[in-house]
Structures are given as structure tokens and as C-alpha cells.
Amino acid sequence: MGLIGELLLLPAAPARGSLWVLRQVVDEAERQYYDPATIQGELGRLAEQFEAGEMDEDEFDRREDELLDRLEISQNREQGQ
């Protein structure tokens, strides 16, 4: 981009910087959310809570299904890269 283009876009620099930071935060949040190790840990904690009687079987099944879906998405994302 030429000098004139840079000068015209200069007022938008703070917004572009904010968007970049926001993109980085979202990317990191998604990375952590779909991290297989994190999901496995959550599955372990879920099983512990169920065994301790902190939730009924329906709640356990629902939350386990959610975690297994996340794990499947995580594996598909890794294969797609």
C-alpha cells in the first residue's frame, strides 16, 4: 500500500489494532476450549462428580455427550490442519 493509502487508513489504526487483539483472544479461547487434554480432564472431573453423587445420571449423560462432541470436533480440527 502506498503512502497515501497508509495516511488515509491512519485514523482507523486503533480499530484495526483492537480487532487484531480481539481475534487473538478468540483464537486462544477456542484453542483452550477444544484442547484434547482439557476435555479429558473435564471428563475425569465429571466422572468424579457423578461417583460422588453430585449429579444424577441424566445430567451426567448430557454433560458427557457435550464433552465427547467437543472432543470429536477437536479431533476433526486437528485432521483438517
Protein backbone atom coordinates (compact mmCIF):
# COMPACT_ATOMS: atom_id res chain seq x y z
CA MET A 1 0.00 0.00 0.00
CA GLY A 2 1.26 3.41 -0.85
CA LEU A 3 1.91 6.38 1.36
CA ILE A 4 -1.46 7.96 0.56
CA GLY A 5 -3.29 4.76 1.43
CA GLU A 6 -1.43 4.49 4.72
CA LEU A 7 -2.27 8.11 5.56
CA LEU A 8 -5.95 7.59 4.74
CA LEU A 9 -6.13 4.47 6.92
CA LEU A 10 -4.20 6.01 9.83
CA PRO A 11 -7.34 7.13 11.73
CA ALA A 12 -8.59 3.51 11.64
CA ALA A 13 -5.36 2.14 13.17
CA PRO A 14 -6.74 1.87 16.74
CA ALA A 15 -9.77 -0.04 15.49
CA ARG A 16 -7.60 -2.39 13.41
CA GLY A 17 -5.37 -2.97 16.42
CA SER A 18 -8.38 -3.69 18.63
CA LEU A 19 -9.74 -6.15 16.08
CA TRP A 20 -6.39 -7.93 15.94
CA VAL A 21 -6.30 -8.25 19.73
CA LEU A 22 -9.89 -9.50 19.79
CA ARG A 23 -9.05 -12.11 17.11
CA GLN A 24 -6.09 -13.30 19.17
CA VAL A 25 -8.23 -13.65 22.30
CA VAL A 26 -10.93 -15.59 20.44
CA ASP A 27 -8.33 -17.87 18.82
CA GLU A 28 -6.75 -18.66 22.20
CA ALA A 29 -10.13 -19.27 23.83
CA GLU A 30 -11.06 -21.71 21.04
CA ARG A 31 -7.69 -23.43 21.31
CA GLN A 32 -8.21 -24.00 25.03
CA TYR A 33 -11.86 -24.98 24.61
CA TYR A 34 -11.00 -27.66 22.04
CA ASP A 35 -7.74 -28.82 23.64
CA PRO A 36 -7.99 -32.64 23.99
CA ALA A 37 -6.10 -32.64 27.30
CA THR A 38 -8.50 -30.08 28.75
CA ILE A 39 -11.51 -32.07 27.59
CA GLN A 40 -10.08 -35.30 29.02
CA GLY A 41 -9.56 -33.54 32.35
CA GLU A 42 -13.12 -32.27 32.33
CA LEU A 43 -14.37 -35.80 31.59
CA GLY A 44 -12.39 -37.08 34.58
CA ARG A 45 -13.80 -34.40 36.88
CA LEU A 46 -17.28 -35.14 35.57
CA ALA A 47 -16.91 -38.84 36.40
CA GLU A 48 -15.67 -37.93 39.89
CA GLN A 49 -18.67 -35.68 40.47
CA PHE A 50 -21.05 -38.40 39.31
CA GLU A 51 -19.43 -41.03 41.51
CA ALA A 52 -19.60 -38.65 44.48
CA GLY A 53 -23.35 -38.30 43.91
CA GLU A 54 -23.16 -34.62 42.98
CA MET A 55 -25.34 -35.14 39.89
CA ASP A 56 -27.88 -37.61 38.59
CA GLU A 57 -27.38 -39.90 35.62
CA ASP A 58 -29.32 -37.70 33.18
CA GLU A 59 -27.14 -34.67 33.98
CA PHE A 60 -24.01 -36.81 33.72
CA ASP A 61 -25.08 -38.21 30.33
CA ARG A 62 -25.92 -34.74 28.98
CA ARG A 63 -22.62 -33.19 30.07
CA GLU A 64 -20.63 -36.23 28.95
CA ASP A 65 -22.23 -36.02 25.49
CA GLU A 66 -21.28 -32.32 25.26
CA LEU A 67 -17.67 -33.09 26.16
CA LEU A 68 -17.46 -36.01 23.75
CA ASP A 69 -18.85 -33.80 20.98
CA ARG A 70 -16.15 -31.21 21.75
CA LEU A 71 -13.52 -33.95 21.68
CA GLU A 72 -14.77 -35.14 18.28
CA ILE A 73 -14.69 -31.58 16.92
CA SER A 74 -11.17 -31.21 18.30
CA GLN A 75 -10.00 -34.34 16.53
CA ASN A 76 -11.64 -33.21 13.27
CA ARG A 77 -9.93 -29.82 13.55
CA GLU A 78 -6.55 -31.50 14.01
CA GLN A 79 -7.09 -33.71 10.97
CA GLY A 80 -8.16 -30.71 8.88
CA GLN A 81 -4.91 -28.82 9.53
